């Protein structure tokens, strides 16, 4: 073939292409172009939100900015609970090179810093399919910084907050505690969880696959810090009350105990302690027995501490006077197939003497001068059978049956504290009727700005007469002599109640009570003490609970700056009167 041959002379090139083929190619190209334009329009305009969300899922994150939880303060501004920075360690297991010798050495150091066995750390990192796992939360901040400084790939630190409780076990049942998510679980931490917790903020960021923030996007919403809550509790009174209660429970080898200290003018709770207790800073061995806030959640038959209410009701109705003579001979009384007894045959007693000697027979005979409805009305007005209106979780209502169902024997037993149930907190609050000229006032766990309005139940004269009887009961010849305090006049009523077991009572098991007021002429505080199942020595309320009352009253009034109103020492006779059960 000649090299200068022209292509136009080629038979193949000389053949003309059909028009439909060129048009088909052009149409296909145009159709493909329009498909691309349509897809681009869908991605960029119509389906834009979907694809943006998919992109954000892969790269954009919303980081929660935790709010600093508010503090719990005592009435004097001292801290009962506060938050401090804490380090929480997390990992991406698939990124941790556990085969590397240097990494293994660092992991051993991390386990040691966290107080965790190395095998346990390895177990957490064993699943390489996981993209996130918590290693340990709420470590001390400085430990977290040491772990961060080791710079192990796949191990990261997150800043959180953890609670600290400076008063430890003495105030545990008041403040409660939070969980690792910083939400209240018990006590005031639970009651005011919303106010204390504040509101977390947020920040939109773009992260790489290792969780590192590359860029911040959008508007940052700052957290709203939790507000501080000031309680009515006095931390010094709280600590002293807990200490004395703990010592008395140990001394009498009792099962448990509780004490409530209340301001007689305002209804503020100055102390609320229980034993056994727990350390809210370290709850690794927490048990149900330690967790129970017995002063508020547990209810019992209060025994003779109810007699002043029975007598006060009869005085108010005019059925008796304080000088009215009640014949208790021969120290027992049969009613409804039951025999009610006194520890001694006291013979003829004035109404004052019924309280002083704690006569069951005397109390039931006074109750027989009233109707069941009249007694029920007063008990109900004092809060028995009703849930206390306080900002505290788990408060029990106790039991007070409707008066229409009372039989004569039930009315008789209620007169001296059996047949109904109440918490120690309810008992303390009911005695405000004697310290406020016959008005019962609401109780509160928060610091109060002033004296609240009370609900009238008794007259001022009746309240004064009952206070005098309480003074006699704690004086020579009374059942509460060991409750007397150096420098301050006191009045109160002891109680010793058999413990219920099924439909009857357990043999040899008692609860010992003492509830009283001080100073007696110008009341400033009400203190209620309960010791559960004392098993060594005496079990009578005056002997077991009375001394705790005495020491708590003396210390509390001194801390409040109340001037002593007595110059004489307590008078205790050789043989203290035992109360009737």
Protein backbone atom coordinates (compact mmCIF):
# COMPACT_ATOMS: atom_id res chain seq x y z
CA UNK A 1 0.00 0.00 0.00
CA UNK A 2 1.31 3.41 -0.90
CA UNK A 3 2.41 5.57 2.11
CA UNK A 4 0.79 8.67 0.57
CA UNK A 5 -2.58 7.00 0.25
CA UNK A 6 -5.38 9.31 1.41
CA UNK A 7 -7.91 8.13 4.07
CA UNK A 8 -10.76 9.55 2.07
CA UNK A 9 -10.16 6.89 -0.52
CA UNK A 10 -10.72 4.14 2.11
CA UNK A 11 -13.95 2.22 1.45
CA UNK A 12 -14.76 2.17 5.22
CA UNK A 13 -14.32 5.89 5.66
CA UNK A 14 -16.05 6.65 2.51
CA UNK A 15 -19.24 4.93 3.77
CA UNK A 16 -21.72 7.38 5.24
CA UNK A 17 -22.87 6.90 8.91
CA UNK A 18 -26.65 6.55 9.41
CA UNK A 19 -28.23 9.68 10.92
CA UNK A 20 -30.19 7.75 13.58
CA UNK A 21 -26.99 6.43 15.15
CA UNK A 22 -25.52 9.87 15.75
CA UNK A 23 -28.82 11.12 17.06
CA UNK A 24 -29.04 8.14 19.45
CA UNK A 25 -25.58 8.90 20.83
CA UNK A 26 -26.46 12.54 21.30
CA UNK A 27 -29.75 11.61 22.99
CA UNK A 28 -28.00 9.17 25.34
CA UNK A 29 -25.45 11.79 26.29
CA UNK A 30 -28.18 14.34 26.85
CA UNK A 31 -30.22 11.88 28.93
CA UNK A 32 -27.20 11.02 31.07
CA UNK A 33 -26.50 14.71 31.54
CA UNK A 34 -30.07 15.39 32.65
CA UNK A 35 -29.89 12.41 35.07
CA UNK A 36 -26.79 13.87 36.63
CA UNK A 37 -28.49 17.26 36.88
CA UNK A 38 -31.54 15.61 38.49
CA UNK A 39 -29.44 13.67 40.95
CA UNK A 40 -27.45 16.76 41.82
CA UNK A 41 -30.69 18.67 42.32
CA UNK A 42 -32.05 15.92 44.59
CA UNK A 43 -28.89 15.75 46.65
CA UNK A 44 -28.43 19.50 46.89
CA UNK A 45 -32.04 20.66 47.13
CA UNK A 46 -34.79 18.05 47.50
CA UNK A 47 -33.04 15.46 49.71
CA UNK A 48 -30.63 17.90 51.24
CA UNK A 49 -31.79 17.39 54.86
CA UNK A 50 -31.30 13.63 54.70
CA UNK A 51 -27.74 13.83 53.40
CA UNK A 52 -26.84 16.56 55.88
CA UNK A 53 -28.09 14.34 58.71
CA UNK A 54 -26.06 11.42 57.43
CA UNK A 55 -22.96 13.56 57.31
CA UNK A 56 -23.55 14.88 60.79
CA UNK A 57 -24.07 11.36 62.13
CA UNK A 58 -20.60 10.45 60.91
CA UNK A 59 -18.70 13.56 61.89
CA UNK A 60 -20.78 16.04 63.90
CA UNK A 61 -21.50 15.50 67.59
CA UNK A 62 -23.40 17.33 70.29
CA UNK A 63 -21.24 17.50 73.40
CA UNK A 64 -23.11 17.87 76.67
CA UNK A 65 -21.71 20.57 78.90
CA UNK A 66 -22.57 19.35 82.43
CA UNK A 67 -23.95 21.86 84.90
CA UNK A 68 -22.24 22.14 88.26
CA UNK A 69 -24.64 20.75 90.86
CA UNK A 70 -25.68 23.20 93.56
CA UNK A 71 -24.49 22.91 97.13
CA UNK A 72 -26.39 21.80 100.22
CA UNK A 73 -25.68 24.20 103.08
CA UNK A 74 -26.53 24.11 106.76
CA UNK A 75 -28.35 26.98 108.43
CA UNK A 76 -25.05 28.78 109.08
CA UNK A 77 -23.77 28.44 105.52
CA UNK A 78 -21.44 25.50 106.18
CA UNK A 79 -21.21 23.00 103.33
CA UNK A 80 -23.04 19.69 103.71
CA UNK A 81 -22.65 18.61 100.06
CA UNK A 82 -20.72 20.07 97.13
CA UNK A 83 -19.42 19.03 93.71
CA UNK A 84 -15.77 18.79 92.72
CA UNK A 85 -14.22 18.00 89.30
CA UNK A 86 -13.72 14.30 88.66
CA UNK A 87 -12.04 12.34 85.89
CA UNK A 88 -13.88 9.54 84.11
CA UNK A 89 -11.78 7.25 81.93
CA UNK A 90 -13.18 5.71 78.74
CA UNK A 91 -11.70 3.80 75.81
CA UNK A 92 -12.11 2.72 72.20
CA UNK A 93 -10.98 -0.93 72.59
CA UNK A 94 -10.19 -1.46 68.89
CA UNK A 95 -7.67 1.39 69.00
CA UNK A 96 -5.74 0.11 72.02
CA UNK A 97 -2.71 -1.87 70.86
CA UNK A 98 -2.46 -4.43 73.65
CA UNK A 99 0.21 -6.39 71.78
CA UNK A 100 2.67 -3.51 72.06
CA UNK A 101 5.09 -3.92 74.98
CA UNK A 102 5.21 -0.19 75.74
CA UNK A 103 1.40 0.02 75.71
CA UNK A 104 1.15 -2.95 78.08
CA UNK A 105 3.48 -1.22 80.51
CA UNK A 106 1.38 1.93 80.41
CA UNK A 107 -1.84 -0.05 80.86
CA UNK A 108 -0.39 -1.64 83.98
CA UNK A 109 0.39 1.82 85.31
CA UNK A 110 -3.15 2.99 84.49
CA UNK A 111 -4.67 0.01 86.33
CA UNK A 112 -2.49 0.77 89.33
CA UNK A 113 -3.54 4.44 89.36
CA UNK A 114 -7.21 3.44 89.23
CA UNK A 115 -6.84 0.79 91.94
CA UNK A 116 -8.06 -1.81 89.48
CA UNK A 117 -6.58 -5.28 88.85
CA UNK A 118 -4.75 -5.39 85.50
CA UNK A 119 -6.82 -8.42 84.50
CA UNK A 120 -10.03 -6.43 85.01
CA UNK A 121 -8.73 -3.64 82.78
CA UNK A 122 -7.83 -6.19 80.11
CA UNK A 123 -11.32 -7.66 80.33
CA UNK A 124 -12.87 -4.25 79.63
CA UNK A 125 -10.61 -3.81 76.60
CA UNK A 126 -11.03 -7.39 75.31
CA UNK A 127 -13.97 -6.70 72.98
CA UNK A 128 -12.39 -4.96 70.01
CA UNK A 129 -15.75 -4.57 68.30
CA UNK A 130 -16.74 -1.94 70.85
CA UNK A 131 -16.20 1.66 69.90
CA UNK A 132 -16.83 2.91 73.44
CA UNK A 133 -16.45 1.49 76.96
CA UNK A 134 -16.25 3.09 80.38
CA UNK A 135 -13.12 2.06 82.26
CA UNK A 136 -13.74 3.85 85.56
CA UNK A 137 -15.78 6.88 86.49
CA UNK A 138 -15.35 9.68 88.99
CA UNK A 139 -11.69 9.28 89.85
CA UNK A 140 -9.88 12.08 91.63
CA UNK A 141 -8.99 14.78 89.15
CA UNK A 142 -5.24 14.60 89.74
CA UNK A 143 -5.26 10.83 89.10
CA UNK A 144 -7.10 11.44 85.85
CA UNK A 145 -4.41 13.91 84.79
CA UNK A 146 -1.70 11.33 85.46
CA UNK A 147 -3.55 8.80 83.29
CA UNK A 148 -3.97 11.37 80.54
CA UNK A 149 -0.24 12.17 80.67
CA UNK A 150 0.58 8.53 79.84
CA UNK A 151 -0.92 9.24 76.39
CA UNK A 152 -2.13 5.75 75.52
CA UNK A 153 -3.84 5.60 72.14
CA UNK A 154 -7.50 4.63 72.60
CA UNK A 155 -7.66 5.71 76.29
CA UNK A 156 -9.40 9.04 76.94
CA UNK A 157 -10.51 11.28 79.82
CA UNK A 158 -13.83 13.02 80.34
CA UNK A 159 -14.40 15.74 82.92
CA UNK A 160 -17.38 15.13 85.21
CA UNK A 161 -18.34 16.11 88.74
CA UNK A 162 -18.68 14.05 91.90
CA UNK A 163 -20.22 14.93 95.26
CA UNK A 164 -18.36 15.33 98.51
CA UNK A 165 -20.02 15.17 101.93
CA UNK A 166 -17.86 16.81 104.62
CA UNK A 167 -20.08 15.67 107.52
CA UNK A 168 -19.84 12.02 106.50
CA UNK A 169 -22.05 9.52 108.32
CA UNK A 170 -23.39 12.00 110.88
CA UNK A 171 -25.56 13.80 108.28
CA UNK A 172 -25.91 10.98 105.75
CA UNK A 173 -29.65 10.46 106.25
CA UNK A 174 -30.31 14.17 105.82
CA UNK A 175 -28.25 14.96 102.72
CA UNK A 176 -28.51 11.55 101.02
CA UNK A 177 -26.32 10.99 97.97
CA UNK A 178 -26.19 11.04 94.15
CA UNK A 179 -25.35 8.34 91.61
CA UNK A 180 -22.55 8.46 89.02
CA UNK A 181 -24.86 10.40 86.70
CA UNK A 182 -25.09 13.09 89.41
CA UNK A 183 -28.79 12.51 90.09
CA UNK A 184 -30.09 12.46 93.67
CA UNK A 185 -30.92 9.04 95.08
CA UNK A 186 -31.71 9.68 98.74
CA UNK A 187 -32.37 12.47 101.23
CA UNK A 188 -32.32 16.13 100.24
CA UNK A 189 -30.25 15.26 97.17
CA UNK A 190 -33.33 13.43 95.89
CA UNK A 191 -35.94 15.85 97.25
CA UNK A 192 -34.35 18.84 95.48
CA UNK A 193 -32.71 17.01 92.59
CA UNK A 194 -34.20 19.33 89.95
CA UNK A 195 -33.16 22.53 91.69
CA UNK A 196 -29.69 21.27 92.60
CA UNK A 197 -29.02 19.69 89.22
CA UNK A 198 -29.51 22.77 87.07
CA UNK A 199 -29.64 22.26 83.30
CA UNK A 200 -26.86 20.91 81.13
CA UNK A 201 -25.63 22.97 78.19
CA UNK A 202 -24.56 21.77 74.76
CA UNK A 203 -21.96 22.41 72.06
CA UNK A 204 -22.00 21.22 68.42
CA UNK A 205 -18.63 20.05 67.20
CA UNK A 206 -17.03 18.04 64.39
CA UNK A 207 -14.96 15.11 65.59
CA UNK A 208 -12.54 12.78 63.86
CA UNK A 209 -12.77 9.01 64.20
CA UNK A 210 -10.72 9.09 67.41
CA UNK A 211 -13.22 11.35 69.09
CA UNK A 212 -10.97 14.41 68.96
CA UNK A 213 -12.67 17.76 68.39
CA UNK A 214 -11.58 19.21 65.06
CA UNK A 215 -13.89 22.18 64.77
CA UNK A 216 -16.73 23.81 66.68
CA UNK A 217 -19.91 24.52 64.74
CA UNK A 218 -23.15 26.23 65.63
CA UNK A 219 -24.02 28.19 68.76
CA UNK A 220 -22.89 26.97 72.16
CA UNK A 221 -25.60 26.75 74.85
CA UNK A 222 -23.98 27.34 78.24
CA UNK A 223 -25.11 25.18 81.19
CA UNK A 224 -27.39 26.60 83.87
CA UNK A 225 -25.70 25.93 87.19
CA UNK A 226 -27.72 24.27 89.95
CA UNK A 227 -28.91 26.45 92.79
CA UNK A 228 -27.73 26.13 96.38
CA UNK A 229 -30.23 24.86 98.96
CA UNK A 230 -29.91 26.03 102.56
CA UNK A 231 -31.24 23.54 105.09
CA UNK A 232 -32.50 24.13 108.60
CA UNK A 233 -29.89 21.68 109.92
CA UNK A 234 -27.17 22.96 112.24
CA UNK A 235 -24.14 20.81 111.39
CA UNK A 236 -22.69 21.15 114.91
CA UNK A 237 -25.93 20.05 116.56
CA UNK A 238 -26.25 17.28 113.98
CA UNK A 239 -22.78 15.91 114.69
CA UNK A 240 -23.21 16.04 118.48
CA UNK A 241 -26.65 14.39 118.36
CA UNK A 242 -25.36 11.59 116.12
CA UNK A 243 -22.33 11.02 118.33
CA UNK A 244 -24.39 10.71 121.54
CA UNK A 245 -26.95 8.49 119.86
CA UNK A 246 -24.25 6.17 118.51
CA UNK A 247 -22.60 5.89 121.93
CA UNK A 248 -25.91 5.09 123.66
CA UNK A 249 -26.86 2.42 121.11
CA UNK A 250 -23.48 0.80 121.71
CA UNK A 251 -23.74 1.13 125.51
CA UNK A 252 -27.08 -0.70 125.68
CA UNK A 253 -26.24 -3.05 122.79
CA UNK A 254 -29.33 -1.85 120.99
CA UNK A 255 -30.34 -2.60 117.43
CA UNK A 256 -30.67 1.01 116.29
CA UNK A 257 -31.63 4.51 117.34
CA UNK A 258 -32.85 7.91 116.14
CA UNK A 259 -32.94 11.48 117.39
CA UNK A 260 -34.76 14.57 116.13
CA UNK A 261 -34.02 18.12 117.30
CA UNK A 262 -36.58 20.75 116.33
CA UNK A 263 -36.78 24.50 116.88
CA UNK A 264 -39.81 24.99 119.13
CA UNK A 265 -40.66 28.39 117.60
CA UNK A 266 -40.18 27.81 113.87
CA UNK A 267 -40.54 24.04 113.38
CA UNK A 268 -37.10 23.93 111.76
CA UNK A 269 -35.32 20.60 112.09
CA UNK A 270 -31.92 21.37 113.64
CA UNK A 271 -30.78 17.74 113.63
CA UNK A 272 -32.06 14.41 112.38
CA UNK A 273 -29.74 11.49 113.06
CA UNK A 274 -29.97 7.72 112.83
CA UNK A 275 -27.71 4.88 113.82
CA UNK A 276 -26.57 2.70 112.12
CA UNK A 277 -25.55 5.12 109.39
CA UNK A 278 -23.19 5.11 106.39
CA UNK A 279 -20.54 7.26 104.77
CA UNK A 280 -22.04 8.87 101.63
CA UNK A 281 -18.49 9.43 100.33
CA UNK A 282 -17.88 5.66 100.22
CA UNK A 283 -20.92 3.47 99.63
CA UNK A 284 -19.15 0.32 98.50
CA UNK A 285 -20.54 -1.69 101.43
CA UNK A 286 -23.87 0.04 101.88
CA UNK A 287 -26.68 -2.11 103.33
CA UNK A 288 -30.40 -1.60 103.71
CA UNK A 289 -30.08 -1.34 107.49
CA UNK A 290 -27.64 1.56 107.13
CA UNK A 291 -29.73 3.29 104.49
CA UNK A 292 -33.00 3.43 106.46
CA UNK A 293 -33.91 6.88 107.71
CA UNK A 294 -35.69 5.47 110.73
CA UNK A 295 -36.71 8.82 112.22
CA UNK A 296 -38.98 9.52 109.25
CA UNK A 297 -39.73 6.24 107.48
CA UNK A 298 -40.23 3.83 110.40
CA UNK A 299 -43.38 3.92 112.50
CA UNK A 300 -43.95 2.40 115.95
CA UNK A 301 -46.42 2.38 118.78
CA UNK A 302 -45.15 5.37 120.79
CA UNK A 303 -46.26 4.21 124.22
CA UNK A 304 -46.42 6.62 127.15
CA UNK A 305 -45.18 9.63 125.16
CA UNK A 306 -48.83 9.92 124.00
CA UNK A 307 -50.23 10.38 127.52
CA UNK A 308 -49.70 14.17 127.57
CA UNK A 309 -51.88 14.43 124.46
CA UNK A 310 -54.64 12.39 126.09
CA UNK A 311 -54.52 14.52 129.22
CA UNK A 312 -54.31 17.75 127.19
CA UNK A 313 -57.45 16.78 125.28
CA UNK A 314 -59.40 16.11 128.50
CA UNK A 315 -58.20 19.41 130.00
CA UNK A 316 -59.22 21.32 126.89
CA UNK A 317 -62.69 19.75 126.90
CA UNK A 318 -63.13 20.52 130.59
CA UNK A 319 -63.60 16.88 131.56
CA UNK A 320 -60.83 17.07 134.16
CA UNK A 321 -58.61 19.59 135.92
CA UNK A 322 -54.98 19.13 136.77
CA UNK A 323 -56.05 18.60 140.39
CA UNK A 324 -58.79 16.06 139.59
CA UNK A 325 -58.18 12.82 141.51
CA UNK A 326 -58.10 9.56 139.55
CA UNK A 327 -58.24 6.32 141.50
CA UNK A 328 -55.84 3.81 139.91
CA UNK A 329 -56.27 1.17 142.62
CA UNK A 330 -55.28 -1.70 142.49
CA UNK A 331 -52.91 -0.90 139.62
CA UNK A 332 -54.81 -2.88 136.98
CA UNK A 333 -57.99 -2.53 134.98
CA UNK A 334 -59.96 -5.15 133.02
CA UNK A 335 -61.69 -4.07 129.81
CA UNK A 336 -62.81 -5.93 126.70
CA UNK A 337 -61.23 -9.19 127.80
CA UNK A 338 -57.83 -7.54 128.45
CA UNK A 339 -56.19 -6.45 131.67
CA UNK A 340 -54.27 -3.17 131.59
CA UNK A 341 -51.70 -2.79 134.35
CA UNK A 342 -49.32 -0.31 135.98
CA UNK A 343 -45.88 -1.23 137.26
CA UNK A 344 -47.06 -0.28 140.77
CA UNK A 345 -50.34 0.34 142.56
CA UNK A 346 -50.24 4.14 142.71
CA UNK A 347 -53.66 4.43 144.36
CA UNK A 348 -55.29 7.84 144.09
CA UNK A 349 -53.43 10.21 141.73
CA UNK A 350 -54.16 13.73 140.58
CA UNK A 351 -54.12 14.27 136.82
CA UNK A 352 -50.66 15.81 137.33
CA UNK A 353 -49.67 12.58 139.05
CA UNK A 354 -50.95 10.42 136.19
CA UNK A 355 -48.33 12.01 133.93
CA UNK A 356 -45.64 12.12 136.60
CA UNK A 357 -45.99 8.41 137.46
CA UNK A 358 -46.93 7.43 133.88
CA UNK A 359 -49.99 5.46 134.97
CA UNK A 360 -51.72 3.47 132.25
CA UNK A 361 -54.80 2.96 134.40
CA UNK A 362 -54.99 6.68 135.13
CA UNK A 363 -54.66 7.59 131.43
CA UNK A 364 -57.38 5.17 130.31
CA UNK A 365 -59.77 6.41 133.02
CA UNK A 366 -59.24 9.98 131.82
CA UNK A 367 -59.85 8.81 128.22
CA UNK A 368 -63.16 7.26 129.30
CA UNK A 369 -64.41 10.76 130.08
CA UNK A 370 -64.21 11.59 126.36
CA UNK A 371 -65.72 10.17 123.19
CA UNK A 372 -63.64 8.36 120.58
CA UNK A 373 -64.36 11.15 118.08
CA UNK A 374 -63.08 13.84 120.46
CA UNK A 375 -59.80 11.98 120.93
CA UNK A 376 -59.47 11.25 117.22
CA UNK A 377 -60.02 14.90 116.29
CA UNK A 378 -57.08 16.04 118.42
CA UNK A 379 -54.76 13.26 117.30
CA UNK A 380 -55.59 14.02 113.68
CA UNK A 381 -55.07 17.76 114.18
CA UNK A 382 -51.59 17.00 115.56
CA UNK A 383 -50.71 15.11 112.37
CA UNK A 384 -51.09 11.49 113.43
CA UNK A 385 -52.23 9.16 110.66
CA UNK A 386 -51.14 11.71 108.04
CA UNK A 387 -48.03 12.03 105.91
CA UNK A 388 -45.84 14.89 107.20
CA UNK A 389 -45.87 17.87 104.84
CA UNK A 390 -42.13 18.21 104.49
CA UNK A 391 -39.77 18.32 101.52
CA UNK A 392 -38.28 14.93 102.23
CA UNK A 393 -38.75 11.57 100.48
CA UNK A 394 -40.19 8.52 102.19
CA UNK A 395 -41.93 10.20 105.13
CA UNK A 396 -44.40 7.72 106.62
CA UNK A 397 -47.94 8.59 107.65
CA UNK A 398 -48.28 6.10 110.48
CA UNK A 399 -51.63 4.62 111.45
CA UNK A 400 -54.63 6.14 113.19
CA UNK A 401 -57.81 4.18 112.58
CA UNK A 402 -61.12 6.06 112.01
CA UNK A 403 -62.79 6.76 115.34
CA UNK A 404 -66.00 4.97 114.31
CA UNK A 405 -64.13 1.64 114.38
CA UNK A 406 -62.70 2.13 117.88
CA UNK A 407 -63.85 -0.34 120.49
CA UNK A 408 -63.72 0.62 124.18
CA UNK A 409 -60.50 -1.34 124.67
CA UNK A 410 -58.91 0.42 121.68
CA UNK A 411 -59.83 3.83 123.02
CA UNK A 412 -58.28 2.79 126.32
CA UNK A 413 -55.00 1.60 124.77
CA UNK A 414 -54.68 4.64 122.49
CA UNK A 415 -54.84 6.75 125.66
CA UNK A 416 -51.39 5.45 126.63
CA UNK A 417 -49.86 5.01 123.18
CA UNK A 418 -50.86 1.58 121.90
CA UNK A 419 -53.18 0.85 118.98
CA UNK A 420 -51.74 3.61 116.77
CA UNK A 421 -48.36 4.12 115.16
CA UNK A 422 -46.19 7.15 114.45
CA UNK A 423 -42.67 8.07 113.43
CA UNK A 424 -40.26 9.82 115.75
CA UNK A 425 -40.51 12.85 113.49
CA UNK A 426 -44.30 12.98 113.91
CA UNK A 427 -43.90 12.71 117.67
CA UNK A 428 -41.46 15.62 117.81
CA UNK A 429 -43.67 17.79 115.64
CA UNK A 430 -46.81 17.07 117.70
CA UNK A 431 -45.10 18.43 120.84
CA UNK A 432 -44.92 21.88 119.20
CA UNK A 433 -48.52 22.23 120.41
CA UNK A 434 -47.17 22.50 123.98
CA UNK A 435 -44.34 24.90 123.09
CA UNK A 436 -46.49 27.33 121.05
CA UNK A 437 -49.34 28.13 123.41
CA UNK A 438 -51.57 25.36 122.04
CA UNK A 439 -50.79 25.84 118.33
CA UNK A 440 -49.20 23.04 116.34
CA UNK A 441 -46.79 24.39 113.71
CA UNK A 442 -45.53 22.85 110.46
CA UNK A 443 -42.10 21.24 110.45
CA UNK A 444 -39.52 22.06 107.80
CA UNK A 445 -36.10 20.84 106.66
CA UNK A 446 -35.32 24.22 105.06
CA UNK A 447 -34.10 27.34 106.82
CA UNK A 448 -37.15 29.42 107.72
CA UNK A 449 -37.21 33.23 107.61
CA UNK A 450 -39.53 33.55 110.57
CA UNK A 451 -42.13 32.03 112.86
CA UNK A 452 -44.85 30.24 110.86
CA UNK A 453 -48.56 30.45 111.55
CA UNK A 454 -49.78 27.56 113.64
CA UNK A 455 -53.05 25.64 113.82
CA UNK A 456 -54.84 26.06 117.17
CA UNK A 457 -55.52 22.78 118.95
CA UNK A 458 -55.33 23.65 122.66
CA UNK A 459 -55.68 26.88 124.59
CA UNK A 460 -52.64 28.64 126.02
CA UNK A 461 -53.72 27.59 129.52
CA UNK A 462 -53.93 23.91 128.56
CA UNK A 463 -50.48 24.04 126.95
CA UNK A 464 -49.02 25.60 130.11
CA UNK A 465 -50.67 22.99 132.36
CA UNK A 466 -49.30 20.11 130.25
CA UNK A 467 -45.81 21.67 130.22
CA UNK A 468 -45.95 21.74 134.01
CA UNK A 469 -46.87 18.06 134.02
CA UNK A 470 -43.95 17.30 131.71
CA UNK A 471 -41.68 19.16 134.13
CA UNK A 472 -42.99 16.99 136.98
CA UNK A 473 -42.45 13.82 134.92
CA UNK A 474 -38.78 14.73 134.47
CA UNK A 475 -38.28 15.75 138.09
CA UNK A 476 -37.94 13.87 141.38
CA UNK A 477 -40.53 11.10 141.56
CA UNK A 478 -41.01 11.10 137.77
CA UNK A 479 -40.04 8.58 135.11
CA UNK A 480 -37.67 10.88 133.20
CA UNK A 481 -35.23 12.08 135.85
CA UNK A 482 -32.16 11.10 133.83
CA UNK A 483 -33.25 13.54 131.13
CA UNK A 484 -32.52 16.51 133.41
CA UNK A 485 -29.87 18.94 132.21
CA UNK A 486 -27.37 21.11 134.08
CA UNK A 487 -28.41 24.76 133.89
CA UNK A 488 -31.64 24.32 131.93
CA UNK A 489 -35.15 23.38 133.02
CA UNK A 490 -36.69 20.61 130.97
CA UNK A 491 -39.95 18.75 130.70
CA UNK A 492 -40.64 15.57 128.86
CA UNK A 493 -42.26 12.19 128.75
CA UNK A 494 -40.58 8.84 128.56
CA UNK A 495 -42.11 5.88 126.77
CA UNK A 496 -41.40 2.16 126.70
CA UNK A 497 -43.34 0.17 124.13
CA UNK A 498 -43.30 -3.53 123.42
CA UNK A 499 -42.31 -4.37 119.86
CA UNK A 500 -45.02 -5.82 117.67
CA UNK A 501 -44.53 -9.24 116.16
CA UNK A 502 -47.29 -10.54 113.95
CA UNK A 503 -50.59 -9.97 115.74
CA UNK A 504 -48.97 -9.83 119.15
CA UNK A 505 -45.79 -8.58 120.83
CA UNK A 506 -42.29 -10.01 120.85
CA UNK A 507 -41.08 -11.27 124.21
CA UNK A 508 -38.33 -9.16 125.74
CA UNK A 509 -38.11 -6.65 122.87
CA UNK A 510 -38.83 -2.97 123.49
CA UNK A 511 -38.45 0.48 122.02
CA UNK A 512 -37.40 3.19 124.44
CA UNK A 513 -38.54 6.76 123.85
CA UNK A 514 -38.14 10.19 125.36
CA UNK A 515 -39.69 13.36 123.96
CA UNK A 516 -39.42 16.70 125.69
CA UNK A 517 -39.10 20.47 125.66
CA UNK A 518 -36.47 22.90 126.98
CA UNK A 519 -36.37 25.34 128.65
CA UNK A 520 -39.75 24.50 130.09
CA UNK A 521 -41.05 28.04 130.74
CA UNK A 522 -39.79 29.55 127.48
CA UNK A 523 -39.41 26.59 125.09
CA UNK A 524 -36.70 26.87 122.44
CA UNK A 525 -36.21 23.28 121.31
CA UNK A 526 -38.00 19.96 121.16
CA UNK A 527 -35.92 16.77 121.26
CA UNK A 528 -37.23 13.28 120.55
CA UNK A 529 -35.08 10.16 121.08
CA UNK A 530 -35.79 6.51 120.25
CA UNK A 531 -33.57 3.51 121.05
CA UNK A 532 -34.63 0.25 119.37
CA UNK A 533 -34.24 -3.03 121.25
CA UNK A 534 -31.84 -2.20 124.09
CA UNK A 535 -30.54 -5.57 125.24
CA UNK A 536 -28.16 -4.77 128.08
CA UNK A 537 -29.26 -3.25 131.36
CA UNK A 538 -32.54 -1.34 131.48
CA UNK A 539 -35.04 -0.97 128.65
CA UNK A 540 -37.13 1.85 130.14
CA UNK A 541 -37.32 5.04 128.10
CA UNK A 542 -36.29 7.32 130.95
CA UNK A 543 -33.12 5.32 131.59
CA UNK A 544 -32.14 4.50 128.02
CA UNK A 545 -33.32 7.47 125.90
CA UNK A 546 -33.40 10.10 128.68
CA UNK A 547 -29.60 10.61 128.93
CA UNK A 548 -29.32 11.23 125.18
CA UNK A 549 -32.06 13.85 125.49
CA UNK A 550 -30.18 15.48 128.38
CA UNK A 551 -26.84 15.81 126.58
CA UNK A 552 -28.35 16.91 123.27
CA UNK A 553 -30.49 19.57 124.97
CA UNK A 554 -27.57 20.99 126.91
CA UNK A 555 -25.25 21.19 123.90
CA UNK A 556 -27.92 22.55 121.54
CA UNK A 557 -29.07 25.34 123.84
CA UNK A 558 -25.47 26.41 124.39
CA UNK A 559 -24.83 26.53 120.65
CA UNK A 560 -28.01 28.59 120.24
CA UNK A 561 -26.80 31.04 122.86
CA UNK A 562 -29.71 30.39 125.22
CA UNK A 563 -28.94 31.57 128.74
CA UNK A 564 -29.32 28.96 131.52
CA UNK A 565 -32.52 29.38 133.53
CA UNK A 566 -31.49 27.19 136.47
CA UNK A 567 -28.69 27.48 139.00
CA UNK A 568 -29.23 24.14 140.66
CA UNK A 569 -28.03 20.73 139.52
CA UNK A 570 -30.43 18.03 138.38
CA UNK A 571 -32.17 16.17 141.18
CA UNK A 572 -32.34 12.42 140.73
CA UNK A 573 -33.73 10.23 143.47
CA UNK A 574 -32.05 6.94 144.28
CA UNK A 575 -34.82 4.76 142.89
CA UNK A 576 -36.15 6.16 139.66
CA UNK A 577 -39.81 5.50 138.96
CA UNK A 578 -40.39 2.90 136.26
CA UNK A 579 -43.11 3.68 133.75
CA UNK A 580 -45.98 1.34 133.02
CA UNK A 581 -45.75 -0.69 129.81
